[in-house]
Amino acid sequence: MVLPKKQAKRSVTRSLIRHQAREALRRHAPALQAQGQVGADVDGWVLRLRAPFDKQQFPSAASEALKALVRQELDELWRRLTSPASEGGRSRKESSGKPLSAARGAA
């Protein structure tokens, strides 16, 4: 995981993201293996925080609202990964070029 201090200044926030990402991996990776999209030899995934969290919206470094947003974005990324390769004639690579929400971007 790449969680730069520039994007998440407080260690509490980086830790929250790290914990949520590990939990999302535990929840969603078995579905990918069951679909045959990845083999058993895949040890992990790359997650990179691309945009900071709005301090005005999330004044607490480990608030329940922040935890819910992180979980929601991670679940959306996993949903994209497990969805069929072509959606409306576009490949997964082409359709994933924009951020998930206006407030945040994730990779």
N, C-alpha and C. Protein backbone atom coordinates (compact mmCIF):
# COMPACT_ATOMS: atom_id res chain seq x y z
N MET A 1 0.84 -1.17 0.00
CA MET A 1 0.00 0.00 0.00
C MET A 1 0.88 1.23 0.00
N VAL A 2 0.48 2.20 -0.77
CA VAL A 2 1.20 3.46 -0.82
C VAL A 2 0.26 4.52 -0.26
N LEU A 3 0.56 4.95 0.95
CA LEU A 3 -0.26 5.94 1.64
C LEU A 3 0.64 7.10 2.05
N PRO A 4 0.90 8.04 1.13
CA PRO A 4 1.84 9.11 1.41
C PRO A 4 1.33 10.10 2.45
N LYS A 5 2.28 10.63 3.21
CA LYS A 5 1.93 11.62 4.22
C LYS A 5 1.35 12.88 3.59
N LYS A 6 1.70 13.12 2.35
CA LYS A 6 1.16 14.30 1.65
C LYS A 6 -0.36 14.19 1.49
N GLN A 7 -0.86 12.98 1.29
CA GLN A 7 -2.29 12.76 1.07
C GLN A 7 -3.05 12.50 2.37
N ALA A 8 -2.40 11.83 3.32
CA ALA A 8 -3.03 11.52 4.62
C ALA A 8 -1.99 11.85 5.69
N LYS A 9 -2.03 13.06 6.18
CA LYS A 9 -0.99 13.57 7.06
C LYS A 9 -0.91 12.86 8.41
N ARG A 10 -2.04 12.46 8.96
CA ARG A 10 -2.05 11.84 10.29
C ARG A 10 -1.87 10.33 10.19
N SER A 11 -1.03 9.81 11.06
CA SER A 11 -0.78 8.36 11.05
C SER A 11 -2.06 7.58 11.38
N VAL A 12 -2.93 8.19 12.16
CA VAL A 12 -4.20 7.53 12.51
C VAL A 12 -5.03 7.29 11.25
N THR A 13 -5.05 8.27 10.36
CA THR A 13 -5.80 8.14 9.10
C THR A 13 -5.16 7.09 8.21
N ARG A 14 -3.84 7.11 8.08
CA ARG A 14 -3.16 6.10 7.27
C ARG A 14 -3.41 4.70 7.82
N SER A 15 -3.40 4.58 9.12
CA SER A 15 -3.66 3.29 9.76
C SER A 15 -5.09 2.83 9.48
N LEU A 16 -6.04 3.74 9.56
CA LEU A 16 -7.44 3.42 9.27
C LEU A 16 -7.58 2.90 7.85
N ILE A 17 -6.94 3.58 6.90
CA ILE A 17 -7.00 3.16 5.50
C ILE A 17 -6.36 1.79 5.34
N ARG A 18 -5.22 1.59 5.96
CA ARG A 18 -4.52 0.31 5.89
C ARG A 18 -5.40 -0.83 6.42
N HIS A 19 -6.03 -0.62 7.55
CA HIS A 19 -6.90 -1.65 8.14
C HIS A 19 -8.10 -1.94 7.23
N GLN A 20 -8.71 -0.89 6.70
CA GLN A 20 -9.86 -1.08 5.81
C GLN A 20 -9.45 -1.81 4.53
N ALA A 21 -8.27 -1.50 4.00
CA ALA A 21 -7.80 -2.15 2.78
C ALA A 21 -7.54 -3.64 3.01
N ARG A 22 -6.93 -3.96 4.13
CA ARG A 22 -6.68 -5.38 4.44
C ARG A 22 -7.99 -6.15 4.61
N GLU A 23 -8.95 -5.53 5.26
CA GLU A 23 -10.25 -6.18 5.44
C GLU A 23 -10.95 -6.37 4.10
N ALA A 24 -10.86 -5.37 3.22
CA ALA A 24 -11.47 -5.48 1.89
C ALA A 24 -10.81 -6.61 1.11
N LEU A 25 -9.50 -6.75 1.23
CA LEU A 25 -8.80 -7.84 0.56
C LEU A 25 -9.31 -9.19 1.07
N ARG A 26 -9.47 -9.32 2.38
CA ARG A 26 -9.99 -10.58 2.95
C ARG A 26 -11.40 -10.87 2.46
N ARG A 27 -12.21 -9.81 2.31
CA ARG A 27 -13.60 -10.02 1.87
C ARG A 27 -13.73 -10.34 0.40
N HIS A 28 -12.93 -9.71 -0.46
CA HIS A 28 -13.18 -9.78 -1.90
C HIS A 28 -12.24 -10.67 -2.70
N ALA A 29 -11.03 -10.91 -2.25
CA ALA A 29 -10.08 -11.71 -3.02
C ALA A 29 -10.57 -13.13 -3.30
N PRO A 30 -11.23 -13.80 -2.35
CA PRO A 30 -11.72 -15.15 -2.67
C PRO A 30 -12.70 -15.18 -3.85
N ALA A 31 -13.48 -14.13 -4.03
CA ALA A 31 -14.41 -14.09 -5.16
C ALA A 31 -13.64 -14.03 -6.48
N LEU A 32 -12.55 -13.29 -6.53
CA LEU A 32 -11.73 -13.24 -7.75
C LEU A 32 -11.11 -14.59 -8.05
N GLN A 33 -10.63 -15.26 -7.02
CA GLN A 33 -10.05 -16.59 -7.23
C GLN A 33 -11.12 -17.57 -7.68
N ALA A 34 -12.32 -17.48 -7.13
CA ALA A 34 -13.41 -18.37 -7.52
C ALA A 34 -13.81 -18.15 -8.98
N GLN A 35 -13.71 -16.90 -9.45
CA GLN A 35 -14.04 -16.59 -10.84
C GLN A 35 -12.92 -16.99 -11.80
N GLY A 36 -11.77 -17.33 -11.24
CA GLY A 36 -10.64 -17.70 -12.07
C GLY A 36 -9.89 -16.52 -12.66
N GLN A 37 -10.15 -15.31 -12.15
CA GLN A 37 -9.47 -14.12 -12.67
C GLN A 37 -8.04 -14.03 -12.19
N VAL A 38 -7.74 -14.60 -11.05
CA VAL A 38 -6.37 -14.63 -10.53
C VAL A 38 -6.08 -16.03 -10.03
N GLY A 39 -4.82 -16.40 -10.05
CA GLY A 39 -4.42 -17.71 -9.56
C GLY A 39 -4.10 -17.65 -8.08
N ALA A 40 -3.81 -18.80 -7.54
CA ALA A 40 -3.50 -18.90 -6.12
C ALA A 40 -2.14 -18.29 -5.79
N ASP A 41 -1.33 -18.01 -6.83
CA ASP A 41 0.01 -17.47 -6.60
C ASP A 41 0.03 -15.96 -6.37
N VAL A 42 -1.10 -15.28 -6.45
CA VAL A 42 -1.15 -13.83 -6.21
C VAL A 42 -1.15 -13.59 -4.71
N ASP A 43 -0.12 -12.88 -4.25
CA ASP A 43 0.04 -12.63 -2.81
C ASP A 43 -0.69 -11.38 -2.34
N GLY A 44 -0.84 -10.41 -3.21
CA GLY A 44 -1.43 -9.16 -2.77
C GLY A 44 -1.80 -8.27 -3.93
N TRP A 45 -2.16 -7.06 -3.60
CA TRP A 45 -2.63 -6.08 -4.56
C TRP A 45 -1.95 -4.75 -4.26
N VAL A 46 -1.95 -3.86 -5.22
CA VAL A 46 -1.37 -2.54 -5.03
C VAL A 46 -2.51 -1.55 -4.84
N LEU A 47 -2.43 -0.78 -3.77
CA LEU A 47 -3.41 0.27 -3.49
C LEU A 47 -2.64 1.56 -3.30
N ARG A 48 -3.02 2.59 -4.03
CA ARG A 48 -2.33 3.87 -3.95
C ARG A 48 -3.34 4.98 -3.70
N LEU A 49 -3.12 5.73 -2.65
CA LEU A 49 -3.96 6.88 -2.34
C LEU A 49 -3.55 8.01 -3.26
N ARG A 50 -4.50 8.52 -4.07
CA ARG A 50 -4.16 9.54 -5.06
C ARG A 50 -4.59 10.94 -4.67
N ALA A 51 -5.50 11.07 -3.75
CA ALA A 51 -6.00 12.40 -3.40
C ALA A 51 -6.22 12.47 -1.89
N PRO A 52 -6.02 13.64 -1.31
CA PRO A 52 -6.20 13.76 0.14
C PRO A 52 -7.68 13.75 0.54
N PHE A 53 -7.90 13.48 1.81
CA PHE A 53 -9.24 13.56 2.36
C PHE A 53 -9.48 15.00 2.79
N ASP A 54 -10.68 15.49 2.59
CA ASP A 54 -11.03 16.86 2.95
C ASP A 54 -11.11 16.98 4.47
N LYS A 55 -10.22 17.77 5.06
CA LYS A 55 -10.20 17.93 6.51
C LYS A 55 -11.45 18.63 7.03
N GLN A 56 -12.09 19.43 6.21
CA GLN A 56 -13.33 20.09 6.63
C GLN A 56 -14.46 19.08 6.74
N GLN A 57 -14.47 18.12 5.83
CA GLN A 57 -15.52 17.10 5.84
C GLN A 57 -15.25 16.04 6.91
N PHE A 58 -13.96 15.75 7.17
CA PHE A 58 -13.58 14.72 8.14
C PHE A 58 -12.58 15.30 9.13
N PRO A 59 -13.04 16.11 10.09
CA PRO A 59 -12.10 16.72 11.04
C PRO A 59 -11.41 15.70 11.95
N SER A 60 -12.08 14.60 12.24
CA SER A 60 -11.47 13.55 13.05
C SER A 60 -10.67 12.62 12.15
N ALA A 61 -9.47 12.28 12.57
CA ALA A 61 -8.59 11.45 11.76
C ALA A 61 -9.09 10.01 11.61
N ALA A 62 -9.95 9.58 12.52
CA ALA A 62 -10.44 8.19 12.47
C ALA A 62 -11.94 8.14 12.74
N SER A 63 -12.68 9.04 12.13
CA SER A 63 -14.12 9.09 12.36
C SER A 63 -14.83 7.92 11.68
N GLU A 64 -16.03 7.63 12.15
CA GLU A 64 -16.84 6.57 11.53
C GLU A 64 -17.22 6.96 10.09
N ALA A 65 -17.43 8.24 9.84
CA ALA A 65 -17.76 8.69 8.49
C ALA A 65 -16.61 8.44 7.53
N LEU A 66 -15.39 8.72 7.97
CA LEU A 66 -14.21 8.46 7.15
C LEU A 66 -14.05 6.96 6.91
N LYS A 67 -14.25 6.18 7.93
CA LYS A 67 -14.15 4.72 7.81
C LYS A 67 -15.18 4.20 6.80
N ALA A 68 -16.39 4.73 6.86
CA ALA A 68 -17.44 4.30 5.93
C ALA A 68 -17.10 4.70 4.49
N LEU A 69 -16.55 5.91 4.30
CA LEU A 69 -16.19 6.34 2.95
C LEU A 69 -15.07 5.48 2.38
N VAL A 70 -14.07 5.21 3.18
CA VAL A 70 -12.95 4.36 2.72
C VAL A 70 -13.47 2.98 2.35
N ARG A 71 -14.30 2.41 3.20
CA ARG A 71 -14.87 1.08 2.93
C ARG A 71 -15.69 1.10 1.64
N GLN A 72 -16.49 2.15 1.45
CA GLN A 72 -17.32 2.27 0.25
C GLN A 72 -16.46 2.35 -1.01
N GLU A 73 -15.41 3.17 -0.98
CA GLU A 73 -14.56 3.31 -2.16
C GLU A 73 -13.81 2.02 -2.46
N LEU A 74 -13.32 1.35 -1.43
CA LEU A 74 -12.63 0.08 -1.64
C LEU A 74 -13.59 -0.97 -2.21
N ASP A 75 -14.79 -1.03 -1.70
CA ASP A 75 -15.78 -1.98 -2.22
C ASP A 75 -16.10 -1.68 -3.68
N GLU A 76 -16.18 -0.40 -4.04
CA GLU A 76 -16.44 -0.02 -5.43
C GLU A 76 -15.28 -0.45 -6.33
N LEU A 77 -14.05 -0.27 -5.86
CA LEU A 77 -12.90 -0.71 -6.65
C LEU A 77 -12.91 -2.23 -6.85
N TRP A 78 -13.22 -2.97 -5.80
CA TRP A 78 -13.31 -4.43 -5.92
C TRP A 78 -14.46 -4.82 -6.83
N ARG A 79 -15.58 -4.09 -6.77
CA ARG A 79 -16.71 -4.39 -7.66
C ARG A 79 -16.29 -4.21 -9.11
N ARG A 80 -15.56 -3.15 -9.39
CA ARG A 80 -15.07 -2.92 -10.75
C ARG A 80 -14.15 -4.05 -11.20
N LEU A 81 -13.33 -4.52 -10.30
CA LEU A 81 -12.38 -5.58 -10.62
C LEU A 81 -13.09 -6.89 -10.91
N THR A 82 -14.17 -7.16 -10.21
CA THR A 82 -14.89 -8.43 -10.39
C THR A 82 -15.97 -8.36 -11.46
N SER A 83 -16.26 -7.17 -11.99
CA SER A 83 -17.29 -7.05 -13.03
C SER A 83 -16.74 -7.58 -14.35
N PRO A 84 -17.63 -7.92 -15.29
CA PRO A 84 -17.18 -8.41 -16.59
C PRO A 84 -16.25 -7.41 -17.28
N ALA A 85 -15.35 -7.92 -18.12
CA ALA A 85 -14.32 -7.08 -18.75
C ALA A 85 -14.90 -6.02 -19.66
N SER A 86 -15.99 -6.29 -20.33
CA SER A 86 -16.53 -5.27 -21.22
C SER A 86 -17.89 -4.81 -20.72
N GLU A 87 -17.98 -3.53 -20.49
CA GLU A 87 -19.25 -2.93 -20.06
C GLU A 87 -19.60 -1.87 -21.08
N GLY A 88 -20.60 -2.16 -21.92
CA GLY A 88 -21.00 -1.19 -22.94
C GLY A 88 -19.94 -1.00 -24.01
N GLY A 89 -19.15 -2.03 -24.29
CA GLY A 89 -18.16 -1.94 -25.35
C GLY A 89 -16.84 -1.34 -24.92
N ARG A 90 -16.70 -0.94 -23.68
CA ARG A 90 -15.45 -0.36 -23.20
C ARG A 90 -14.73 -1.37 -22.34
N SER A 91 -13.42 -1.39 -22.44
CA SER A 91 -12.66 -2.32 -21.61
C SER A 91 -12.57 -1.78 -20.20
N ARG A 92 -12.21 -2.64 -19.26
CA ARG A 92 -12.09 -2.26 -17.85
C ARG A 92 -11.05 -1.15 -17.70
N LYS A 93 -9.95 -1.25 -18.47
CA LYS A 93 -8.89 -0.24 -18.38
C LYS A 93 -9.42 1.13 -18.77
N GLU A 94 -10.19 1.21 -19.83
CA GLU A 94 -10.73 2.49 -20.30
C GLU A 94 -11.73 3.07 -19.34
N SER A 95 -12.55 2.23 -18.72
CA SER A 95 -13.62 2.73 -17.87
C SER A 95 -13.15 3.14 -16.48
N SER A 96 -11.93 2.74 -16.09
CA SER A 96 -11.49 3.04 -14.73
C SER A 96 -10.55 4.24 -14.65
N GLY A 97 -10.53 5.09 -15.66
CA GLY A 97 -9.61 6.20 -15.68
C GLY A 97 -10.01 7.40 -14.86
N LYS A 98 -11.23 7.43 -14.35
CA LYS A 98 -11.66 8.61 -13.59
C LYS A 98 -11.85 8.26 -12.13
N PRO A 99 -11.77 9.26 -11.23
CA PRO A 99 -11.95 8.99 -9.81
C PRO A 99 -13.33 8.47 -9.49
N LEU A 100 -13.45 7.78 -8.37
CA LEU A 100 -14.72 7.20 -7.96
C LEU A 100 -15.76 8.26 -7.64
N SER A 101 -15.36 9.29 -6.93
CA SER A 101 -16.32 10.33 -6.56
C SER A 101 -15.67 11.68 -6.76
N ALA A 102 -16.48 12.71 -6.71
CA ALA A 102 -15.96 14.05 -6.90
C ALA A 102 -15.04 14.46 -5.75
N ALA A 103 -15.30 13.95 -4.56
CA ALA A 103 -14.52 14.34 -3.39
C ALA A 103 -13.18 13.63 -3.32
N ARG A 104 -13.08 12.40 -3.86
CA ARG A 104 -11.88 11.61 -3.66
C ARG A 104 -11.50 10.87 -4.93
N GLY A 105 -10.28 10.50 -5.03
CA GLY A 105 -9.81 9.62 -6.09
C GLY A 105 -9.06 8.47 -5.47
N ALA A 106 -9.16 7.31 -6.05
CA ALA A 106 -8.46 6.14 -5.52
C ALA A 106 -7.94 5.32 -6.68
N ALA A 107 -6.99 4.51 -6.41
CA ALA A 107 -6.47 3.61 -7.44
C ALA A 107 -6.38 2.22 -6.87
